[in-house]
Amino acid sequence: MAPEPALTDLLRRSRNIEIESADLDSPHANVTLDITRIDRESASFDVILCSHVLEHVADDRQAMRELFRVLRPGGWVMIQVPISSKPTFEDPSITDPAERERLFWQADHVRLYGLDISERLTKAGFEVETVFGDQLVASDQLEKMGIYPRDVVFLCRKRAR
């Protein structure tokens, strides 16, 4: 979800990987999908990368349930969102772009997550592991991969049957 060209290019060069890049309106995606109504059968994907999407989605809980639905048992989703040191804050009545930017860090964000996003992901059905950037790759690879040591990634697994 929300394919980044550099990552997409890297994955396309890998063997034995079939990629379907999706977004609601990105020219980099090869498929147009609404993350709250994913037009795919249940258990369609082994792995899903969802990078900086959920903070834009009004009904993020529905999006999380959809990700869980389309994931195969034993599969995993890697989710990344902007993270505040405070609990998740959202207020749908805030529509002014300048106020959204001030409160949610970007004018098109509808919330600012805290580490408590893991509770929402768990309620959607996932087993959630919070992983920091310096746990993802070797320290000498952080800069090359564009990962900050304290970046947060949520590794969400769907239990195998």
N, C-alpha and C. Protein backbone atom coordinates (compact mmCIF):
# COMPACT_ATOMS: atom_id res chain seq x y z
N MET A 1 0.85 -1.17 0.00
CA MET A 1 0.00 0.00 0.00
C MET A 1 0.89 1.23 0.00
N ALA A 2 0.55 2.21 -0.84
CA ALA A 2 1.32 3.45 -0.99
C ALA A 2 2.75 3.15 -1.40
N PRO A 3 2.92 2.59 -2.58
CA PRO A 3 4.26 2.19 -3.01
C PRO A 3 5.22 3.35 -3.18
N GLU A 4 6.40 3.18 -2.64
CA GLU A 4 7.47 4.14 -2.82
C GLU A 4 8.32 3.63 -3.97
N PRO A 5 8.59 4.47 -4.97
CA PRO A 5 9.31 4.00 -6.17
C PRO A 5 10.62 3.27 -5.88
N ALA A 6 11.44 3.78 -4.98
CA ALA A 6 12.74 3.14 -4.71
C ALA A 6 12.55 1.73 -4.15
N LEU A 7 11.63 1.58 -3.21
CA LEU A 7 11.38 0.26 -2.63
C LEU A 7 10.74 -0.67 -3.65
N THR A 8 9.82 -0.16 -4.43
CA THR A 8 9.18 -0.97 -5.46
C THR A 8 10.21 -1.50 -6.45
N ASP A 9 11.12 -0.61 -6.89
CA ASP A 9 12.16 -1.03 -7.83
C ASP A 9 13.03 -2.12 -7.23
N LEU A 10 13.40 -1.96 -5.97
CA LEU A 10 14.23 -2.95 -5.29
C LEU A 10 13.50 -4.29 -5.21
N LEU A 11 12.25 -4.29 -4.83
CA LEU A 11 11.49 -5.54 -4.70
C LEU A 11 11.26 -6.20 -6.05
N ARG A 12 11.04 -5.41 -7.09
CA ARG A 12 10.82 -5.98 -8.43
C ARG A 12 12.06 -6.73 -8.94
N ARG A 13 13.23 -6.35 -8.46
CA ARG A 13 14.46 -7.03 -8.88
C ARG A 13 14.67 -8.35 -8.13
N SER A 14 13.91 -8.56 -7.07
CA SER A 14 14.04 -9.79 -6.29
C SER A 14 13.38 -10.95 -7.02
N ARG A 15 13.90 -12.13 -6.77
CA ARG A 15 13.34 -13.33 -7.41
C ARG A 15 12.22 -13.90 -6.55
N ASN A 16 11.33 -14.60 -7.21
CA ASN A 16 10.26 -15.33 -6.53
C ASN A 16 9.33 -14.43 -5.72
N ILE A 17 9.18 -13.20 -6.15
CA ILE A 17 8.26 -12.28 -5.50
C ILE A 17 7.32 -11.71 -6.55
N GLU A 18 6.05 -11.86 -6.30
CA GLU A 18 5.05 -11.23 -7.16
C GLU A 18 4.54 -10.00 -6.41
N ILE A 19 4.62 -8.85 -7.04
CA ILE A 19 4.28 -7.60 -6.38
C ILE A 19 3.01 -7.01 -6.98
N GLU A 20 2.14 -6.57 -6.10
CA GLU A 20 0.98 -5.80 -6.51
C GLU A 20 1.02 -4.51 -5.70
N SER A 21 1.38 -3.42 -6.35
CA SER A 21 1.44 -2.14 -5.64
C SER A 21 0.08 -1.46 -5.77
N ALA A 22 -0.40 -0.93 -4.64
CA ALA A 22 -1.75 -0.39 -4.61
C ALA A 22 -1.80 0.93 -3.86
N ASP A 23 -2.71 1.77 -4.30
CA ASP A 23 -2.94 3.05 -3.64
C ASP A 23 -4.28 3.57 -4.14
N LEU A 24 -4.83 4.50 -3.41
CA LEU A 24 -6.10 5.09 -3.83
C LEU A 24 -5.90 6.05 -5.00
N ASP A 25 -4.76 6.77 -5.01
CA ASP A 25 -4.58 7.74 -6.09
C ASP A 25 -3.12 8.00 -6.49
N SER A 26 -2.21 7.10 -6.17
CA SER A 26 -0.81 7.33 -6.52
C SER A 26 -0.52 6.87 -7.95
N PRO A 27 0.23 7.69 -8.70
CA PRO A 27 0.64 7.26 -10.04
C PRO A 27 1.68 6.15 -10.01
N HIS A 28 2.26 5.88 -8.84
CA HIS A 28 3.27 4.83 -8.71
C HIS A 28 2.66 3.45 -8.52
N ALA A 29 1.37 3.39 -8.22
CA ALA A 29 0.70 2.11 -7.98
C ALA A 29 0.22 1.52 -9.30
N ASN A 30 0.23 0.19 -9.37
CA ASN A 30 -0.31 -0.44 -10.58
C ASN A 30 -1.76 -0.86 -10.38
N VAL A 31 -2.29 -0.69 -9.15
CA VAL A 31 -3.68 -1.03 -8.85
C VAL A 31 -4.26 0.08 -7.98
N THR A 32 -5.49 0.48 -8.27
CA THR A 32 -6.19 1.44 -7.43
C THR A 32 -7.04 0.67 -6.44
N LEU A 33 -6.76 0.86 -5.15
CA LEU A 33 -7.51 0.18 -4.10
C LEU A 33 -7.81 1.14 -2.96
N ASP A 34 -8.98 0.98 -2.38
CA ASP A 34 -9.35 1.68 -1.15
C ASP A 34 -9.03 0.74 -0.01
N ILE A 35 -8.16 1.14 0.89
CA ILE A 35 -7.70 0.27 1.97
C ILE A 35 -8.84 -0.11 2.93
N THR A 36 -9.93 0.64 2.91
CA THR A 36 -11.06 0.28 3.77
C THR A 36 -12.02 -0.69 3.11
N ARG A 37 -11.82 -0.93 1.81
CA ARG A 37 -12.63 -1.89 1.05
C ARG A 37 -11.73 -2.53 -0.02
N ILE A 38 -10.83 -3.38 0.42
CA ILE A 38 -9.85 -3.96 -0.49
C ILE A 38 -10.54 -4.98 -1.39
N ASP A 39 -10.49 -4.71 -2.67
CA ASP A 39 -11.19 -5.54 -3.66
C ASP A 39 -10.35 -6.78 -4.01
N ARG A 40 -10.16 -7.62 -3.01
CA ARG A 40 -9.44 -8.88 -3.17
C ARG A 40 -10.09 -9.91 -2.27
N GLU A 41 -9.92 -11.18 -2.64
CA GLU A 41 -10.47 -12.25 -1.82
C GLU A 41 -9.75 -12.30 -0.48
N SER A 42 -10.41 -12.86 0.50
CA SER A 42 -9.77 -13.07 1.80
C SER A 42 -8.56 -13.97 1.62
N ALA A 43 -7.56 -13.77 2.45
CA ALA A 43 -6.34 -14.58 2.45
C ALA A 43 -5.62 -14.56 1.10
N SER A 44 -5.51 -13.38 0.50
CA SER A 44 -4.88 -13.23 -0.82
C SER A 44 -3.38 -12.95 -0.79
N PHE A 45 -2.87 -12.44 0.33
CA PHE A 45 -1.49 -11.98 0.36
C PHE A 45 -0.69 -12.62 1.48
N ASP A 46 0.58 -12.90 1.20
CA ASP A 46 1.51 -13.42 2.21
C ASP A 46 2.13 -12.29 3.03
N VAL A 47 2.41 -11.18 2.37
CA VAL A 47 3.08 -10.05 3.00
C VAL A 47 2.44 -8.76 2.47
N ILE A 48 2.25 -7.81 3.37
CA ILE A 48 1.75 -6.49 2.98
C ILE A 48 2.63 -5.44 3.64
N LEU A 49 3.07 -4.48 2.85
CA LEU A 49 3.79 -3.33 3.38
C LEU A 49 2.83 -2.15 3.31
N CYS A 50 2.62 -1.52 4.43
CA CYS A 50 1.69 -0.40 4.51
C CYS A 50 2.43 0.76 5.15
N SER A 51 2.99 1.61 4.31
CA SER A 51 3.88 2.67 4.78
C SER A 51 3.21 4.03 4.71
N HIS A 52 2.98 4.60 5.88
CA HIS A 52 2.44 5.96 6.01
C HIS A 52 1.13 6.12 5.24
N VAL A 53 0.19 5.25 5.55
CA VAL A 53 -1.15 5.28 4.94
C VAL A 53 -2.22 5.55 5.99
N LEU A 54 -2.19 4.83 7.09
CA LEU A 54 -3.29 4.83 8.04
C LEU A 54 -3.59 6.21 8.64
N GLU A 55 -2.59 7.06 8.76
CA GLU A 55 -2.82 8.39 9.31
C GLU A 55 -3.64 9.28 8.38
N HIS A 56 -3.85 8.83 7.13
CA HIS A 56 -4.65 9.55 6.14
C HIS A 56 -6.08 9.02 6.05
N VAL A 57 -6.35 7.90 6.68
CA VAL A 57 -7.61 7.17 6.49
C VAL A 57 -8.59 7.48 7.62
N ALA A 58 -9.76 7.97 7.26
CA ALA A 58 -10.75 8.34 8.27
C ALA A 58 -11.11 7.15 9.16
N ASP A 59 -11.40 6.02 8.56
CA ASP A 59 -11.78 4.82 9.34
C ASP A 59 -10.60 3.84 9.37
N ASP A 60 -9.60 4.17 10.16
CA ASP A 60 -8.39 3.34 10.21
C ASP A 60 -8.67 1.95 10.77
N ARG A 61 -9.63 1.83 11.66
CA ARG A 61 -9.95 0.52 12.23
C ARG A 61 -10.49 -0.42 11.14
N GLN A 62 -11.31 0.11 10.25
CA GLN A 62 -11.82 -0.68 9.13
C GLN A 62 -10.66 -1.08 8.20
N ALA A 63 -9.74 -0.16 7.97
CA ALA A 63 -8.58 -0.46 7.14
C ALA A 63 -7.75 -1.58 7.76
N MET A 64 -7.57 -1.54 9.07
CA MET A 64 -6.81 -2.59 9.76
C MET A 64 -7.52 -3.94 9.64
N ARG A 65 -8.85 -3.94 9.77
CA ARG A 65 -9.61 -5.20 9.62
C ARG A 65 -9.48 -5.74 8.19
N GLU A 66 -9.47 -4.85 7.21
CA GLU A 66 -9.32 -5.27 5.82
C GLU A 66 -7.93 -5.86 5.57
N LEU A 67 -6.91 -5.24 6.12
CA LEU A 67 -5.56 -5.80 5.98
C LEU A 67 -5.51 -7.20 6.58
N PHE A 68 -6.13 -7.37 7.74
CA PHE A 68 -6.17 -8.68 8.38
C PHE A 68 -6.92 -9.69 7.50
N ARG A 69 -8.03 -9.26 6.93
CA ARG A 69 -8.86 -10.15 6.10
C ARG A 69 -8.11 -10.67 4.88
N VAL A 70 -7.39 -9.79 4.19
CA VAL A 70 -6.74 -10.20 2.94
C VAL A 70 -5.40 -10.89 3.16
N LEU A 71 -4.93 -10.91 4.40
CA LEU A 71 -3.66 -11.57 4.72
C LEU A 71 -3.89 -13.07 4.93
N ARG A 72 -3.00 -13.87 4.38
CA ARG A 72 -3.08 -15.32 4.58
C ARG A 72 -2.66 -15.68 5.99
N PRO A 73 -3.22 -16.76 6.55
CA PRO A 73 -2.72 -17.24 7.85
C PRO A 73 -1.22 -17.50 7.75
N GLY A 74 -0.49 -17.06 8.74
CA GLY A 74 0.97 -17.17 8.73
C GLY A 74 1.65 -15.99 8.07
N GLY A 75 0.88 -15.08 7.48
CA GLY A 75 1.44 -13.92 6.81
C GLY A 75 1.69 -12.78 7.78
N TRP A 76 2.28 -11.73 7.25
CA TRP A 76 2.58 -10.58 8.09
C TRP A 76 2.43 -9.28 7.32
N VAL A 77 2.12 -8.24 8.08
CA VAL A 77 1.99 -6.88 7.56
C VAL A 77 2.99 -6.01 8.30
N MET A 78 3.73 -5.21 7.57
CA MET A 78 4.61 -4.24 8.18
C MET A 78 3.95 -2.87 8.02
N ILE A 79 3.66 -2.23 9.16
CA ILE A 79 2.97 -0.95 9.16
C ILE A 79 3.86 0.12 9.75
N GLN A 80 3.91 1.24 9.04
CA GLN A 80 4.66 2.38 9.56
C GLN A 80 3.77 3.61 9.45
N VAL A 81 3.74 4.38 10.53
CA VAL A 81 2.99 5.63 10.61
C VAL A 81 3.83 6.63 11.40
N PRO A 82 3.56 7.93 11.26
CA PRO A 82 4.24 8.88 12.15
C PRO A 82 3.83 8.59 13.60
N ILE A 83 4.79 8.64 14.51
CA ILE A 83 4.53 8.30 15.91
C ILE A 83 4.91 9.46 16.81
N SER A 84 3.97 9.79 17.69
CA SER A 84 4.19 10.80 18.72
C SER A 84 4.56 10.09 20.01
N SER A 85 5.14 10.82 20.93
CA SER A 85 5.45 10.25 22.24
C SER A 85 4.21 10.19 23.13
N LYS A 86 3.12 10.76 22.66
CA LYS A 86 1.86 10.78 23.41
C LYS A 86 0.90 9.74 22.83
N PRO A 87 -0.20 9.44 23.53
CA PRO A 87 -1.20 8.51 22.97
C PRO A 87 -1.81 9.08 21.68
N THR A 88 -2.39 8.20 20.90
CA THR A 88 -3.03 8.58 19.64
C THR A 88 -4.04 9.69 19.88
N PHE A 89 -3.98 10.70 19.01
CA PHE A 89 -4.91 11.82 19.09
C PHE A 89 -5.59 11.99 17.74
N GLU A 90 -6.93 12.06 17.79
CA GLU A 90 -7.69 12.33 16.59
C GLU A 90 -8.94 13.10 16.97
N ASP A 91 -9.39 13.93 16.07
CA ASP A 91 -10.60 14.70 16.26
C ASP A 91 -11.15 15.01 14.87
N PRO A 92 -12.18 14.26 14.44
CA PRO A 92 -12.71 14.44 13.09
C PRO A 92 -13.26 15.84 12.82
N SER A 93 -13.54 16.60 13.86
CA SER A 93 -14.06 17.96 13.64
C SER A 93 -12.97 18.91 13.16
N ILE A 94 -11.72 18.51 13.29
CA ILE A 94 -10.61 19.36 12.82
C ILE A 94 -10.44 19.14 11.33
N THR A 95 -10.82 20.14 10.55
CA THR A 95 -10.74 20.03 9.09
C THR A 95 -9.86 21.11 8.47
N ASP A 96 -9.52 22.12 9.23
CA ASP A 96 -8.67 23.19 8.72
C ASP A 96 -7.27 22.64 8.46
N PRO A 97 -6.77 22.77 7.23
CA PRO A 97 -5.45 22.21 6.90
C PRO A 97 -4.32 22.71 7.80
N ALA A 98 -4.33 23.98 8.14
CA ALA A 98 -3.26 24.52 8.99
C ALA A 98 -3.34 23.91 10.39
N GLU A 99 -4.54 23.74 10.90
CA GLU A 99 -4.70 23.14 12.23
C GLU A 99 -4.33 21.66 12.20
N ARG A 100 -4.69 20.98 11.12
CA ARG A 100 -4.28 19.57 10.99
C ARG A 100 -2.76 19.46 10.94
N GLU A 101 -2.14 20.36 10.20
CA GLU A 101 -0.67 20.32 10.14
C GLU A 101 -0.06 20.55 11.52
N ARG A 102 -0.62 21.47 12.27
CA ARG A 102 -0.10 21.77 13.60
C ARG A 102 -0.28 20.57 14.54
N LEU A 103 -1.45 19.96 14.51
CA LEU A 103 -1.77 18.89 15.45
C LEU A 103 -1.34 17.50 14.99
N PHE A 104 -1.45 17.24 13.67
CA PHE A 104 -1.21 15.89 13.13
C PHE A 104 0.05 15.82 12.27
N TRP A 105 0.81 16.92 12.19
CA TRP A 105 2.10 17.01 11.51
C TRP A 105 2.00 17.12 9.99
N GLN A 106 0.81 17.04 9.44
CA GLN A 106 0.65 17.20 8.00
C GLN A 106 -0.81 17.55 7.72
N ALA A 107 -1.04 18.40 6.73
CA ALA A 107 -2.39 18.91 6.47
C ALA A 107 -3.38 17.83 6.06
N ASP A 108 -2.90 16.74 5.46
CA ASP A 108 -3.83 15.69 5.02
C ASP A 108 -3.88 14.50 5.99
N HIS A 109 -3.31 14.63 7.16
CA HIS A 109 -3.44 13.60 8.20
C HIS A 109 -4.73 13.83 8.98
N VAL A 110 -5.33 12.74 9.45
CA VAL A 110 -6.56 12.84 10.25
C VAL A 110 -6.33 12.44 11.70
N ARG A 111 -5.12 12.03 12.02
CA ARG A 111 -4.76 11.68 13.41
C ARG A 111 -3.25 11.65 13.53
N LEU A 112 -2.81 11.64 14.78
CA LEU A 112 -1.40 11.44 15.08
C LEU A 112 -1.34 10.27 16.05
N TYR A 113 -0.69 9.21 15.63
CA TYR A 113 -0.62 7.99 16.43
C TYR A 113 0.45 8.09 17.52
N GLY A 114 0.19 7.35 18.58
CA GLY A 114 1.18 7.05 19.59
C GLY A 114 1.46 5.56 19.51
N LEU A 115 2.31 5.07 20.38
CA LEU A 115 2.61 3.63 20.38
C LEU A 115 1.38 2.78 20.67
N ASP A 116 0.32 3.41 21.18
CA ASP A 116 -0.92 2.67 21.46
C ASP A 116 -1.65 2.22 20.19
N ILE A 117 -1.14 2.57 19.02
CA ILE A 117 -1.72 2.03 17.78
C ILE A 117 -1.70 0.50 17.82
N SER A 118 -0.74 -0.06 18.54
CA SER A 118 -0.67 -1.52 18.62
C SER A 118 -1.94 -2.12 19.20
N GLU A 119 -2.64 -1.38 20.08
CA GLU A 119 -3.91 -1.87 20.62
C GLU A 119 -4.97 -1.95 19.53
N ARG A 120 -5.02 -0.98 18.64
CA ARG A 120 -5.98 -1.01 17.52
C ARG A 120 -5.68 -2.19 16.60
N LEU A 121 -4.39 -2.40 16.33
CA LEU A 121 -3.99 -3.50 15.45
C LEU A 121 -4.32 -4.84 16.09
N THR A 122 -4.14 -4.96 17.38
CA THR A 122 -4.48 -6.20 18.09
C THR A 122 -5.99 -6.45 18.02
N LYS A 123 -6.79 -5.41 18.18
CA LYS A 123 -8.25 -5.56 18.10
C LYS A 123 -8.69 -5.98 16.70
N ALA A 124 -7.90 -5.64 15.68
CA ALA A 124 -8.21 -6.06 14.31
C ALA A 124 -7.89 -7.53 14.09
N GLY A 125 -7.17 -8.16 15.04
CA GLY A 125 -6.86 -9.58 14.95
C GLY A 125 -5.39 -9.93 14.90
N PHE A 126 -4.54 -8.94 14.75
CA PHE A 126 -3.11 -9.18 14.59
C PHE A 126 -2.40 -9.49 15.91
N GLU A 127 -1.33 -10.25 15.80
CA GLU A 127 -0.32 -10.33 16.85
C GLU A 127 0.70 -9.27 16.48
N VAL A 128 0.96 -8.33 17.38
CA VAL A 128 1.74 -7.14 17.04
C VAL A 128 3.06 -7.12 17.78
N GLU A 129 4.10 -6.83 17.03
CA GLU A 129 5.44 -6.62 17.61
C GLU A 129 5.90 -5.24 17.20
N THR A 130 6.32 -4.44 18.17
CA THR A 130 6.84 -3.11 17.89
C THR A 130 8.34 -3.22 17.70
N VAL A 131 8.82 -2.78 16.54
CA VAL A 131 10.23 -2.92 16.19
C VAL A 131 10.78 -1.53 15.84
N PHE A 132 11.97 -1.23 16.33
CA PHE A 132 12.60 0.04 16.04
C PHE A 132 13.60 -0.12 14.90
N GLY A 133 13.86 0.99 14.21
CA GLY A 133 14.72 0.97 13.03
C GLY A 133 16.04 0.27 13.23
N ASP A 134 16.67 0.50 14.39
CA ASP A 134 17.97 -0.11 14.62
C ASP A 134 17.88 -1.61 14.89
N GLN A 135 16.65 -2.13 15.00
CA GLN A 135 16.45 -3.58 15.12
C GLN A 135 16.15 -4.22 13.77
N LEU A 136 15.85 -3.39 12.78
CA LEU A 136 15.47 -3.91 11.45
C LEU A 136 16.68 -4.29 10.61
N VAL A 137 17.68 -3.42 10.63
CA VAL A 137 18.86 -3.63 9.78
C VAL A 137 20.11 -3.35 10.60
N ALA A 138 21.23 -3.82 10.08
CA ALA A 138 22.52 -3.57 10.73
C ALA A 138 22.79 -2.07 10.76
N SER A 139 23.49 -1.62 11.78
CA SER A 139 23.73 -0.18 11.97
C SER A 139 24.40 0.47 10.76
N ASP A 140 25.27 -0.28 10.06
CA ASP A 140 25.94 0.30 8.89
C ASP A 140 25.02 0.40 7.68
N GLN A 141 23.82 -0.16 7.76
CA GLN A 141 22.86 -0.13 6.66
C GLN A 141 21.75 0.91 6.87
N LEU A 142 21.65 1.49 8.06
CA LEU A 142 20.57 2.42 8.38
C LEU A 142 20.51 3.59 7.39
N GLU A 143 21.61 4.27 7.20
CA GLU A 143 21.62 5.43 6.32
C GLU A 143 21.32 5.03 4.88
N LYS A 144 21.94 3.96 4.42
CA LYS A 144 21.71 3.49 3.05
C LYS A 144 20.24 3.17 2.80
N MET A 145 19.58 2.60 3.80
CA MET A 145 18.18 2.20 3.67
C MET A 145 17.21 3.35 4.00
N GLY A 146 17.75 4.49 4.45
CA GLY A 146 16.89 5.62 4.79
C GLY A 146 16.07 5.38 6.04
N ILE A 147 16.63 4.64 6.97
CA ILE A 147 15.93 4.30 8.22
C ILE A 147 16.62 5.01 9.37
N TYR A 148 15.82 5.66 10.19
CA TYR A 148 16.34 6.28 11.39
C TYR A 148 16.33 5.25 12.52
N PRO A 149 17.32 5.25 13.38
CA PRO A 149 17.40 4.24 14.45
C PRO A 149 16.13 4.14 15.30
N ARG A 150 15.45 5.26 15.54
CA ARG A 150 14.26 5.23 16.39
C ARG A 150 12.96 5.21 15.60
N ASP A 151 13.03 5.03 14.26
CA ASP A 151 11.81 4.81 13.49
C ASP A 151 11.08 3.61 14.08
N VAL A 152 9.77 3.66 14.06
CA VAL A 152 8.97 2.57 14.62
C VAL A 152 8.23 1.86 13.51
N VAL A 153 8.29 0.53 13.54
CA VAL A 153 7.57 -0.30 12.60
C VAL A 153 6.74 -1.28 13.43
N PHE A 154 5.52 -1.50 12.99
CA PHE A 154 4.66 -2.48 13.66
C PHE A 154 4.59 -3.71 12.78
N LEU A 155 5.15 -4.79 13.27
CA LEU A 155 5.13 -6.07 12.55
C LEU A 155 3.91 -6.83 13.04
N CYS A 156 2.95 -7.00 12.16
CA CYS A 156 1.65 -7.57 12.51
C CYS A 156 1.50 -8.93 11.84
N ARG A 157 1.30 -9.94 12.64
CA ARG A 157 1.20 -11.31 12.11
C ARG A 157 -0.23 -11.83 12.25
N LYS A 158 -0.58 -12.64 11.27
CA LYS A 158 -1.85 -13.36 11.33
C LYS A 158 -1.49 -14.81 11.64
N ARG A 159 -1.94 -15.26 12.77
CA ARG A 159 -1.59 -16.59 13.25
C ARG A 159 -1.95 -17.66 12.20
N ALA A 160 -1.01 -18.59 11.99
CA ALA A 160 -1.28 -19.72 11.10
C ALA A 160 -2.30 -20.62 11.78
N ARG A 161 -3.11 -21.25 10.98
CA ARG A 161 -4.17 -22.10 11.57
C ARG A 161 -3.64 -23.37 12.16
